[in-house]
Structures are given as C-alpha cells and as structure tokens.
Protein backbone atom coordinates (compact mmCIF):
# COMPACT_ATOMS: atom_id res chain seq x y z
CA MET A 1 0.01 -0.17 -0.13
CA ASN A 2 2.84 2.53 0.67
CA GLN A 3 3.90 2.30 -2.94
CA ALA A 4 0.37 3.09 -4.06
CA VAL A 5 -0.10 6.15 -1.75
CA GLN A 6 3.29 7.20 -2.99
CA ALA A 7 2.54 7.14 -6.53
CA HIS A 8 -0.71 9.24 -5.75
CA GLN A 9 1.23 11.81 -3.84
CA THR A 10 4.02 12.09 -6.47
CA GLU A 11 1.22 12.35 -9.28
CA TYR A 12 -1.12 14.92 -7.52
CA GLY A 13 0.95 16.42 -4.66
CA SER A 14 -0.98 15.71 -1.76
CA GLN A 15 -2.04 12.49 0.32
CA PRO A 16 -5.04 10.54 -0.76
CA ASP A 17 -8.19 11.24 1.70
CA VAL A 18 -9.09 7.61 1.11
CA VAL A 19 -7.59 4.37 0.07
CA MET A 20 -9.46 1.11 -0.48
CA SER A 21 -8.28 -2.20 -2.02
CA ALA A 22 -10.09 -4.95 -3.39
CA PRO A 23 -8.67 -8.66 -4.27
CA GLY A 24 -8.50 -9.92 -7.69
CA ARG A 25 -10.76 -12.96 -8.51
CA ILE A 26 -10.98 -15.84 -10.88
CA HIS A 27 -14.04 -18.25 -11.70
CA LEU A 28 -13.48 -21.81 -10.92
CA LEU A 29 -16.46 -23.16 -12.81
CA GLY A 30 -19.66 -21.80 -14.40
CA GLU A 31 -18.66 -18.36 -15.44
CA HIS A 32 -20.48 -18.72 -18.69
CA SER A 33 -23.81 -19.60 -17.04
CA TRP A 34 -25.03 -16.30 -15.39
CA TYR A 35 -27.48 -15.39 -18.12
CA PHE A 36 -29.23 -18.71 -17.78
CA LYS A 37 -29.90 -18.03 -13.96
CA ASP A 38 -27.59 -20.81 -12.85
CA LYS A 39 -24.46 -20.91 -10.62
CA THR A 40 -20.98 -19.88 -10.52
CA LEU A 41 -18.10 -20.85 -8.37
CA SER A 42 -15.54 -18.11 -7.88
CA LEU A 43 -12.34 -17.43 -5.77
CA ALA A 44 -10.90 -14.08 -4.48
CA VAL A 45 -7.04 -14.15 -4.70
CA ASP A 46 -4.53 -11.95 -3.04
CA LEU A 47 -3.66 -9.64 -6.13
CA PRO A 48 -4.91 -6.37 -4.77
CA VAL A 49 -6.05 -3.36 -6.61
CA PHE A 50 -5.83 -0.23 -4.84
CA VAL A 51 -8.00 2.81 -5.43
CA LEU A 52 -7.10 6.17 -4.04
CA ILE A 53 -8.97 9.33 -3.92
CA SER A 54 -8.12 12.87 -2.72
CA LEU A 55 -10.78 15.85 -3.01
CA ARG A 56 -10.08 18.67 -5.38
CA GLN A 57 -11.57 22.32 -5.09
CA ASP A 58 -13.30 22.28 -8.62
CA ASN A 59 -15.31 19.93 -10.44
CA ASN A 60 -12.80 18.11 -12.30
CA LEU A 61 -11.87 14.37 -12.51
CA ARG A 62 -8.25 13.19 -12.76
CA PHE A 63 -7.24 9.34 -13.16
CA TYR A 64 -3.85 7.89 -12.86
CA PHE A 65 -2.71 4.22 -13.33
CA PRO A 66 1.03 4.09 -12.51
CA GLN A 67 1.68 0.66 -13.93
CA LEU A 68 0.15 1.42 -17.49
CA ASN A 69 1.65 5.02 -17.26
CA GLU A 70 -1.57 6.44 -18.26
CA ARG A 71 -3.83 9.31 -17.20
CA LYS A 72 -7.14 10.16 -17.95
CA ARG A 73 -9.16 13.29 -17.66
CA SER A 74 -13.17 14.28 -17.03
CA SER A 75 -15.30 16.50 -15.03
CA LEU A 76 -18.58 16.05 -13.15
CA PRO A 77 -20.77 17.95 -15.50
CA THR A 78 -19.26 16.24 -18.53
CA MET A 79 -18.62 12.55 -17.19
CA ARG A 80 -19.80 9.92 -19.50
CA PHE A 81 -18.44 6.48 -20.73
CA ARG A 82 -15.74 6.96 -23.40
CA ARG A 83 -14.21 3.79 -24.76
CA GLU A 84 -10.94 5.38 -24.80
CA ASP A 85 -10.99 5.86 -21.02
CA ARG A 86 -10.96 2.05 -20.47
CA TRP A 87 -10.19 1.49 -16.79
CA ALA A 88 -11.15 5.04 -15.69
CA ASN A 89 -14.76 4.09 -17.05
CA ALA A 90 -15.17 1.43 -14.01
CA PHE A 91 -14.79 4.40 -11.44
CA LYS A 92 -16.78 6.82 -13.33
CA GLY A 93 -19.43 4.48 -13.70
CA VAL A 94 -19.75 3.64 -9.97
CA LEU A 95 -19.49 7.30 -9.26
CA SER A 96 -22.14 7.88 -11.34
CA SER A 97 -24.42 5.41 -9.56
CA PHE A 98 -23.53 7.20 -6.38
CA LEU A 99 -24.69 10.75 -7.81
CA ALA A 100 -27.92 9.16 -9.15
CA ALA A 101 -28.58 7.93 -5.51
CA GLY A 102 -28.50 11.54 -4.56
CA TYR A 103 -24.89 11.85 -3.14
CA GLU A 104 -22.92 14.84 -3.49
CA CYS A 105 -19.33 15.17 -4.75
CA GLY A 106 -16.80 17.72 -5.84
CA GLY A 107 -14.00 17.03 -7.96
CA LEU A 108 -11.58 14.08 -7.46
CA ASN A 109 -8.21 12.92 -8.01
CA VAL A 110 -8.02 9.24 -8.42
CA THR A 111 -5.29 6.76 -8.50
CA VAL A 112 -5.73 3.13 -9.54
CA TYR A 113 -2.74 0.88 -8.50
CA SER A 114 -2.35 -2.68 -9.53
CA ASP A 115 0.69 -4.95 -10.39
CA MET A 116 -1.86 -7.08 -12.25
CA LEU A 117 -3.14 -5.24 -15.31
CA PRO A 118 -6.81 -5.45 -16.84
CA SER A 119 -5.54 -7.29 -19.68
CA ALA A 120 -4.58 -10.43 -17.83
CA GLY A 121 -8.20 -11.41 -17.10
CA PHE A 122 -8.10 -11.77 -13.23
CA GLY A 123 -10.81 -9.59 -12.20
CA VAL A 124 -8.85 -6.23 -12.26
CA ASN A 125 -11.73 -4.19 -13.46
CA SER A 126 -14.23 -5.78 -11.08
CA ALA A 127 -11.69 -5.06 -8.31
CA ILE A 128 -11.74 -1.57 -9.37
CA LYS A 129 -15.41 -0.97 -9.27
CA VAL A 130 -15.50 -2.86 -5.64
CA ALA A 131 -12.73 -0.65 -4.46
CA SER A 132 -14.09 2.39 -5.87
CA ALA A 133 -17.75 1.94 -4.58
CA CYS A 134 -16.31 1.25 -0.97
CA ALA A 135 -13.83 4.29 -1.15
CA LEU A 136 -16.94 6.53 -2.34
CA ARG A 137 -19.04 5.21 0.54
CA LYS A 138 -16.21 6.08 3.07
CA LEU A 139 -15.80 9.52 1.52
CA ILE A 140 -19.22 10.73 0.72
CA ALA A 141 -22.02 8.08 1.62
CA PRO A 142 -21.20 6.83 5.03
CA LYS A 143 -24.62 5.76 5.69
CA ALA A 144 -24.85 3.56 2.56
CA LYS A 145 -25.46 -0.23 3.26
CA ASP A 146 -23.65 -3.14 1.73
CA GLY A 147 -26.48 -4.14 -0.36
CA ASP A 148 -26.51 -0.50 -1.65
CA LEU A 149 -22.94 -0.96 -2.86
CA VAL A 150 -23.93 -3.94 -4.87
CA GLU A 151 -26.89 -2.13 -6.32
CA TYR A 152 -24.57 0.86 -7.36
CA ILE A 153 -21.78 -1.54 -9.02
CA ASP A 154 -24.69 -3.36 -10.88
CA SER A 155 -26.15 -0.01 -12.18
CA ALA A 156 -22.81 1.20 -13.21
CA ASN A 157 -22.28 -2.00 -15.24
CA ARG A 158 -26.07 -1.90 -17.05
CA PHE A 159 -26.40 2.10 -17.24
CA PHE A 160 -23.07 3.58 -17.58
CA MET A 161 -20.82 0.81 -19.10
CA ASN A 162 -23.81 -0.44 -21.23
CA THR A 163 -22.52 -3.99 -20.28
CA THR A 164 -23.92 -7.48 -18.81
CA SER A 165 -23.75 -7.32 -14.98
CA CYS A 166 -22.32 -10.61 -13.64
CA LEU A 167 -22.93 -10.70 -9.73
CA ALA A 168 -20.31 -13.18 -9.16
CA ASP A 169 -17.78 -10.33 -10.28
CA ILE A 170 -19.37 -8.22 -7.44
CA PHE A 171 -19.98 -10.69 -4.69
CA THR A 172 -16.57 -12.26 -4.89
CA PRO A 173 -14.29 -9.44 -4.42
CA LEU A 174 -16.57 -7.88 -1.65
CA TYR A 175 -17.75 -10.96 0.27
CA ALA A 176 -15.03 -13.59 -0.09
CA LYS A 177 -13.09 -14.76 2.92
CA LYS A 178 -9.79 -16.47 3.09
CA ASN A 179 -9.86 -20.39 2.52
CA THR A 180 -13.50 -20.20 0.99
CA CYS A 181 -14.83 -19.70 -2.48
CA VAL A 182 -17.87 -18.02 -3.44
CA LEU A 183 -20.93 -19.67 -4.83
CA THR A 184 -23.01 -17.14 -6.62
CA ASN A 185 -26.74 -18.30 -7.33
CA TYR A 186 -28.22 -16.12 -10.10
CA ASN A 187 -31.63 -17.64 -9.71
CA THR A 188 -32.03 -16.22 -6.25
CA GLY A 189 -29.45 -13.32 -6.33
CA SER A 190 -27.53 -14.93 -3.49
CA TYR A 191 -24.15 -16.20 -2.52
CA GLU A 192 -22.71 -18.91 -0.56
CA LEU A 193 -19.38 -19.16 1.05
CA LEU A 194 -17.84 -22.62 0.78
CA PRO A 195 -14.68 -24.08 2.15
CA PHE A 196 -11.70 -24.00 -0.25
CA ASP A 197 -8.80 -25.53 1.96
CA PHE A 198 -6.69 -28.08 0.38
CA PRO A 199 -3.27 -28.68 2.63
CA ASP A 200 0.06 -29.07 0.81
CA THR A 201 -1.17 -27.72 -2.50
CA THR A 202 -0.08 -24.52 -4.30
CA PHE A 203 -2.61 -22.50 -6.57
CA LEU A 204 -1.20 -20.98 -9.45
CA LEU A 205 -2.45 -18.46 -12.23
CA THR A 206 -0.81 -18.86 -15.39
CA ASP A 207 -1.01 -16.07 -18.30
CA ALA A 208 -0.48 -18.05 -21.37
CA LYS A 209 0.53 -14.71 -23.08
CA VAL A 210 -1.49 -15.95 -26.38
CA PRO A 211 -2.97 -13.47 -28.18
CA ARG A 212 -6.83 -13.38 -27.81
CA VAL A 213 -8.68 -14.67 -30.76
CA ASN A 214 -12.46 -14.10 -30.88
CA VAL A 215 -13.78 -17.17 -32.86
CA TRP A 216 -17.34 -16.45 -31.66
CA HIS A 217 -19.27 -13.96 -29.87
CA GLU A 218 -20.64 -15.25 -26.54
CA GLU A 219 -23.20 -12.68 -26.32
CA THR A 220 -25.03 -14.34 -29.39
CA LEU A 221 -25.88 -16.99 -26.94
CA TRP A 222 -27.81 -14.58 -24.63
CA THR A 223 -31.18 -14.64 -25.97
CA ALA A 224 -34.64 -15.21 -24.27
CA GLU A 225 -35.25 -18.16 -26.95
CA TYR A 226 -32.06 -20.16 -25.42
CA ALA A 227 -32.92 -18.94 -21.94
CA CYS A 228 -36.59 -20.26 -22.49
CA LEU A 229 -35.20 -23.59 -24.08
CA LEU A 230 -32.80 -24.26 -20.99
CA GLY A 231 -35.36 -23.38 -18.60
CA ASP A 232 -37.60 -26.15 -20.07
CA LEU A 233 -34.76 -28.63 -19.37
CA LYS A 234 -34.32 -27.70 -15.65
CA ILE A 235 -35.65 -30.15 -13.06
CA SER A 236 -35.65 -30.09 -9.24
CA ARG A 237 -33.96 -33.10 -7.72
CA ASN A 238 -33.20 -33.49 -3.89
CA GLY A 239 -33.89 -30.00 -3.60
CA GLU A 240 -31.40 -28.60 -6.10
CA ILE A 241 -32.20 -27.13 -9.48
CA MET A 242 -30.47 -29.05 -12.01
CA TYR A 243 -30.56 -30.24 -15.63
CA GLU A 244 -32.26 -32.87 -17.21
CA ASP A 245 -29.95 -35.78 -18.00
CA SER A 246 -31.86 -37.81 -20.44
CA ASP A 247 -30.51 -37.61 -24.05
CA VAL A 248 -34.01 -38.17 -25.66
CA GLU A 249 -35.62 -34.93 -23.73
CA ILE A 250 -32.53 -32.97 -24.43
CA ASN A 251 -32.46 -33.58 -28.26
CA GLU A 252 -36.49 -32.93 -28.39
CA VAL A 253 -35.94 -29.59 -26.58
CA LEU A 254 -32.89 -28.58 -28.48
CA SER A 255 -33.97 -29.91 -31.85
CA VAL A 256 -35.16 -26.16 -32.95
CA VAL A 257 -31.33 -24.95 -32.46
CA ASN A 258 -28.64 -25.13 -35.36
CA GLU A 259 -25.65 -27.36 -34.29
CA ASP A 260 -23.14 -24.78 -33.09
CA TYR A 261 -25.55 -23.28 -30.71
CA ARG A 262 -27.06 -26.51 -29.53
CA ARG A 263 -23.38 -27.83 -28.63
CA ARG A 264 -22.87 -24.78 -26.37
CA LEU A 265 -26.00 -24.73 -24.71
CA ILE A 266 -25.35 -28.53 -23.89
CA CYS A 267 -22.03 -27.36 -22.57
CA ILE A 268 -23.81 -24.81 -20.25
CA MET A 269 -25.90 -27.64 -18.88
CA LYS A 270 -23.17 -30.16 -18.40
CA GLU A 271 -21.03 -27.46 -16.81
CA GLN A 272 -23.61 -26.93 -14.29
CA THR A 273 -23.32 -30.65 -13.33
CA ALA A 274 -19.81 -30.42 -13.24
CA LEU A 275 -20.12 -27.29 -10.83
CA LEU A 276 -22.46 -29.36 -8.38
CA ASP A 277 -19.90 -32.20 -8.33
CA ALA A 278 -17.20 -29.80 -7.47
CA VAL A 279 -19.57 -28.19 -4.68
CA SER A 280 -19.93 -31.56 -3.19
CA ALA A 281 -16.40 -32.21 -3.21
CA LEU A 282 -15.66 -28.96 -1.51
CA LYS A 283 -18.21 -29.86 1.20
CA ASN A 284 -16.36 -33.23 1.73
CA SER A 285 -12.92 -31.94 1.19
CA ASN A 286 -12.44 -34.40 -1.46
CA PHE A 287 -9.68 -32.95 -3.84
CA SER A 288 -9.65 -35.79 -6.40
CA GLN A 289 -13.41 -35.44 -6.90
CA PHE A 290 -12.95 -31.50 -7.37
CA ALA A 291 -10.07 -32.14 -9.66
CA ARG A 292 -12.22 -34.38 -11.71
CA ALA A 293 -14.88 -31.88 -12.09
CA VAL A 294 -12.46 -29.13 -12.94
CA ALA A 295 -10.87 -31.57 -15.65
CA HIS A 296 -14.17 -32.30 -17.08
CA SER A 297 -15.21 -28.47 -17.10
CA HIS A 298 -11.95 -27.74 -19.15
CA GLU A 299 -12.83 -30.45 -21.83
CA LEU A 300 -16.25 -29.00 -22.13
CA LEU A 301 -15.23 -25.61 -22.68
CA ARG A 302 -12.68 -27.01 -25.18
CA ASP A 303 -14.87 -29.19 -27.25
CA LEU A 304 -18.46 -27.93 -26.90
CA PHE A 305 -17.89 -24.08 -26.10
CA GLN A 306 -14.65 -23.68 -28.36
CA ILE A 307 -12.98 -21.04 -26.37
CA SER A 308 -9.48 -22.82 -25.59
CA CYS A 309 -6.63 -22.87 -28.06
CA PRO A 310 -3.61 -25.54 -28.49
CA GLU A 311 -1.41 -23.79 -26.18
CA VAL A 312 -3.62 -23.56 -23.49
CA ASP A 313 -4.66 -27.35 -23.70
CA TRP A 314 -1.10 -28.15 -23.68
CA LEU A 315 -0.64 -26.32 -20.45
CA VAL A 316 -3.82 -27.86 -18.96
CA LYS A 317 -2.89 -31.60 -20.01
CA ARG A 318 0.64 -31.28 -18.85
CA VAL A 319 -0.78 -30.92 -15.21
CA PHE A 320 -2.79 -34.01 -14.71
CA GLU A 321 -1.50 -36.41 -17.52
CA ALA A 322 0.69 -38.33 -15.09
CA ASP A 323 -2.10 -39.24 -12.81
CA MET A 324 -4.44 -40.04 -15.91
CA LEU A 325 -1.72 -42.41 -17.75
CA ALA A 326 -1.15 -44.25 -14.38
CA GLY A 327 -4.93 -44.72 -13.59
CA LYS A 328 -4.46 -42.78 -10.03
CA PRO A 329 -7.06 -40.36 -8.39
CA LEU A 330 -6.08 -37.07 -9.76
CA SER A 331 -3.82 -35.07 -7.50
CA ALA A 332 -3.65 -31.81 -9.50
CA CYS A 333 -5.94 -30.08 -11.75
CA SER A 334 -6.00 -27.16 -14.31
CA ARG A 335 -8.52 -25.33 -16.48
CA ILE A 336 -8.85 -22.21 -18.57
CA THR A 337 -10.39 -19.17 -16.98
CA GLY A 338 -11.93 -16.15 -18.09
CA LYS A 339 -13.24 -15.39 -21.62
CA GLY A 340 -10.88 -17.89 -22.95
CA CYS A 341 -9.33 -17.96 -26.88
CA GLY A 342 -5.87 -17.35 -25.65
CA SER A 343 -6.18 -16.23 -22.06
CA SER A 344 -5.01 -17.80 -18.61
CA THR A 345 -5.21 -20.99 -16.61
CA TYR A 346 -5.60 -21.86 -13.07
CA THR A 347 -3.73 -24.71 -11.89
CA ILE A 348 -3.90 -26.52 -8.20
CA LEU A 349 -1.35 -28.87 -7.66
CA GLN A 350 0.82 -30.53 -4.96
CA THR A 351 3.26 -28.19 -3.44
CA LYS A 352 5.97 -30.95 -3.87
CA ASP A 353 5.16 -30.82 -7.63
CA LEU A 354 5.99 -27.00 -8.22
CA GLU A 355 9.28 -27.40 -9.49
CA SER A 356 8.05 -29.83 -12.39
CA TYR A 357 5.29 -27.34 -13.37
CA GLU A 358 7.96 -24.79 -13.95
CA LYS A 359 10.07 -26.81 -16.00
CA ARG A 360 6.77 -27.46 -18.12
CA LEU A 361 6.46 -23.74 -18.44
CA ALA A 362 10.10 -23.64 -19.82
CA GLU A 363 9.18 -26.39 -22.35
CA TYR A 364 6.17 -24.47 -23.34
CA GLU A 365 8.06 -21.57 -24.21
CA ARG A 366 10.48 -23.42 -26.31
CA ILE A 367 7.53 -25.21 -28.10
CA PHE A 368 5.21 -22.32 -28.70
CA GLY A 369 7.47 -19.27 -28.37
CA PHE A 370 5.32 -17.72 -25.73
CA HIS A 371 6.66 -16.50 -22.54
CA ALA A 372 3.89 -17.56 -19.91
CA VAL A 373 3.75 -15.70 -16.57
CA CYS A 374 2.87 -17.53 -13.51
CA TYR A 375 1.70 -15.95 -10.31
CA ASN A 376 1.72 -18.08 -6.93
CA VAL A 377 -1.65 -16.87 -5.22
CA HIS A 378 -3.66 -17.42 -2.22
CA THR A 379 -7.18 -17.06 -1.17
CA ALA A 380 -7.87 -13.56 0.23
CA ASP A 381 -10.78 -11.68 1.95
CA GLY A 382 -13.15 -9.36 0.30
CA VAL A 383 -13.49 -6.11 1.13
CA ILE A 384 -16.68 -6.84 3.29
CA HIS A 385 -15.85 -10.36 4.03
CA GLY A 386 -17.14 -13.34 6.22
CA ARG A 387 -20.97 -13.74 5.65
CA ASN A 388 -23.55 -15.26 3.42
CA GLY A 389 -26.41 -13.47 2.06
CA LYS A 390 -28.59 -12.14 -0.64
CA ARG A 391 -28.21 -8.54 -2.20
C-alpha cells in the first residue's frame, strides 16, 4: 500500500483522503452460465487492486494508473462513458451511480494501482469497481449499506458501461473470505461461502500470453429464446435445481437450434453438473473429486464451447497427464479461466510438484514461443468479508 500512496502523492502533490483495496478474482467453474440463472463458483485471490482518492477544489476528475503510465481526464458535468478511457470508466460508472442515488461530490483525484493489469483477465476491472464503491462510501456516503454498494456497481455496469452485470464479479471481491470460495446463485440473487482449503497444495495463475482470438461472440448465446429452452430442461432433484440428463429429452427440446448453438447450450448444462460435483467435493474436502470436475469442465469448454486454444490445452494437459496415464486419483487439476481464446489458466497442484510445473513452463516457451507468466496466489478476504446472504 505504501507504494500506491507514494504514487498518488507524487502525481497529485497531496496525500489521498481515502485508500481502499479489493482482491483479484478468478472463476473456478460456471462463469458462462449467469445469463441462464445458474451458478458460478469463484475465488478471491491476493492480487490487490488499490483505489486512492483525494478531494479537489473544482469539478474536475483526474485519473492515474502508474503501471500503465496512463492518465485520463473528465469532469462532473461532462462525465460519460468513453471507450478510450478504458479502466477509468469503471470508476466513473460507480461514481455516476452514487450521484444518481442523491449523494453529492466535488472534483476528485483518483489513482488506480495494481501490479496485475486489466488485460490479464483476473478480475482487475471488477476489483476497481468494488474498491471504488467502498472508497466512495467512506468519502461521501457513510450511511450506504453493503447491499447498496452491490446495487450501485450493478447499475454502473448496466446503465453507464452498457454491459451485462455478472453478480459473481461483484460478490467475490466484496464478500469472499480466506480459505473459502464464493458460490453465486443467479436464480436467487444470493451467494454462499464454501470451504476451499486443500493442505499441501499450491494455487497458480498462468497467463499463457497467447493473443486473444474471438472465434465467436458469446453474447449471441444470450437470448430469451435460448434461456427459455434451457429453462424447459431444468428439474428439481433432492431440493437442487439441475438440468435434465435424458438425451432423448435434451435432443427433443434443442431440436430447433442449429448445431453450433446446440453444442454450446449443452456445454452450459453439463458445466452446471460439473459445478455441482465440485461443490459436493468442496463440502467433503475431496480433492480428487474436485479435480475431476475441473478437468471435465475444461474438456467441455474446449470441445463444446470452443473457447480454448492448443497452447492453453497443452498447459492444462501437462498438469494431470501423469495421474491419468497411471490410472490414479487426480492429485492436481487445471482449467482455462476467463473468456478464453488465448487467455489464462488456474492450476492447483501438490506443492512438492511445483518445480516440475515450472519446468513445463520452460518447455512451453520452447515449443510455442510464448513466455507464460505464472503467479503463485492464495485465497483472500473480500473488502466486506465473512458472511453469506442475498443482495
């Protein structure tokens, strides 16, 4: 935090009036299922994003991101979404929600400080929004409740950024707790903290450094027609909402959909089954079962959702191929995370096998020519951590 404060003071010539940080996040399973009112399993990690604010005497807004060496400008009367403002839009959107709720504010100097850049795909933009909301509450809205912050961030996404709003991206950096993960239920608008504590393991995030390639636009899957079709395939079993597993029923309902989208909708369904298996494994501290669910999820995203690439698949396969070949219970797992198409993976392995994984990264660079960057991370507390609930 000291470096963040120093960067703010050097840029603006004054100490910040408020400093707030929020953790990075990854999605373990289910990040493509929110539109269909399903569930997402997410994890907050110790990659902090700091938002520092000091008051100005005018109505101007100044933004600074030291690691990017970027500066953005705006003002309260002219504040709007501008594509070229990129990361600064996250703060402006949250501020616009506070102003719409009736809070008053003058000009601000804002610093966003993060060693993890937004392009890495580990929830930096989400952390900016959460840290901004918490900082603005402290600065101008001390009576705002926790649930209000969720509403303000959600409104910022929908009405300022004009993007979809994924509750898991809000709940995780807000409410996570160390040694837990966050299960977001989009049907009820609620979240649950689940144990995530596997002794003698190491959690790694690997940026494969493969250029992103948009082979298809996921937004085209988000239609009322497809949501209704999947809704017709949902059933209640033992008090849990899940998808029909009869191939006859699935084929009949999805017969009206072309093959590409049929395959992707089936992926959504099967991914939720893998997620429920992972949840059961977490509740029973069964790492091998959890690892199987993660491995199956990656196969689904690779083969049905088609968002992976050969480089990422190579990294993932190297993690558990020894166990698979030997017919042993899985002692490690790996999966693509984020939007995919040349992105990042998360890996959980036995700590004793860390050196072997690092050798694989060197081999990866020799084969593919990309220098993957690996981060050893731990679970982290959210800004407002430690309790379950609804927004």
